[in-house]
Amino acid sequence: MSFRHLQRLSFVLFLAWPLTGCLFHTRIVERPVSTAPLKTATQSELVEYLNAQAAKIQSLQATVDIDTSVGGIKKGKITDYKQIRGYVLARKPAVLRMIGLMPVVRNRAFDMVSEGQNFKLWIPPKNRFIVGRNDVVTRNPDQPLENIRPQQIYDAILIPAISKDEIAVAENNVEVVTDGKGHKVQQADYVLNVIGKGKQGWFLSRKIVFSRTDLLPHRQYVYDEEGNLATDARYEKYQEFDGQMFPAQIGIWRPQEEYDITLSILKLQINTPLPDDKFSLEQPEGAQVVHLDKPPASGTKPH
């Protein structure tokens, strides 16, 4: 063997030496997988189920416990508000009323009504009567709860059907869930990606996550036309109310405004008649009126 061949052999052995196990070792990565029995569904079956449920529920009225927190990374802190009792009334196509009561004394903490495009918010403890539009964002860091829009609550509670103007694309995905023993495990799920047509073209409008243990929607992500996450809604503890499966706990996280509302349903009636007077909210005499979609008058300080 020539000297040159010996050099080449030595070079190859030198390169191969780290691969002999002296400089590395293999680790086993544990990824526990759920052993729960999983159901299957096609894309069309998921769309049909979602649209059928949306058609079945035309109105609801609920007694709820309301947990609210405000803040996050942008604000630099999180403020948790004490749980209060409340009532939610909703009627299609887009009418909602939500009332919150003060702890113990049960006086009204707030009263909010949406009439589709416009809404009204009455806050008795501050003597403020707020008027605005659901589609106009006016973030007020000093009054964070005034950033809440009834339409956001409505769309989270009553998941909209997929219209003929939208495109739905199914996706097989994996999520991390907590099993019966409290362990974090991976579990397969289905995701319906809903594509809508906006002012600037097609965009990802929603993602609806179906658990494969029950084929019910357990999460809904809503996006704006710029691709930002607008709402992250969570649906848990499904129960039968008036013959309909409905989540007894609904969490609504709005990352842009940094507020989180959890509604725990204590009583729910579905498809009972809700006349117009149930959604009537008149301006109280002597209340300070705030128009959120109008700039404050010159020299007026925000409250």
Foldseek 3Di string as FASTA:
>chain_A
DDPVVVVVVVVVCVVCVVVVPPPDDDDDDDAFADPFDFADDDQVRLLVVLQVQLVVFFKKKFKWWKWKKFDDDVRPDIDTDDIWIKMWIDGPDQWIWIWTADPPVRHTQKIKIDPDQKIWIAGVVQLEIEIEGLPDAQFDPVCLVVRDHVRLVVCLQRPDRQDPQKDWDKDWDWDWDQDPVRDTHIYIWMKIFIWHQDPVGIDGAKIFIAHRNVRDTAWMFGADRVGDTAKIKGFDDWDADPNDTHGQKIWIAGVVSGMIMIIGTPHMDGPDDDDPVNRDDDNDPPGHYHYSVDDDDPPDDDD
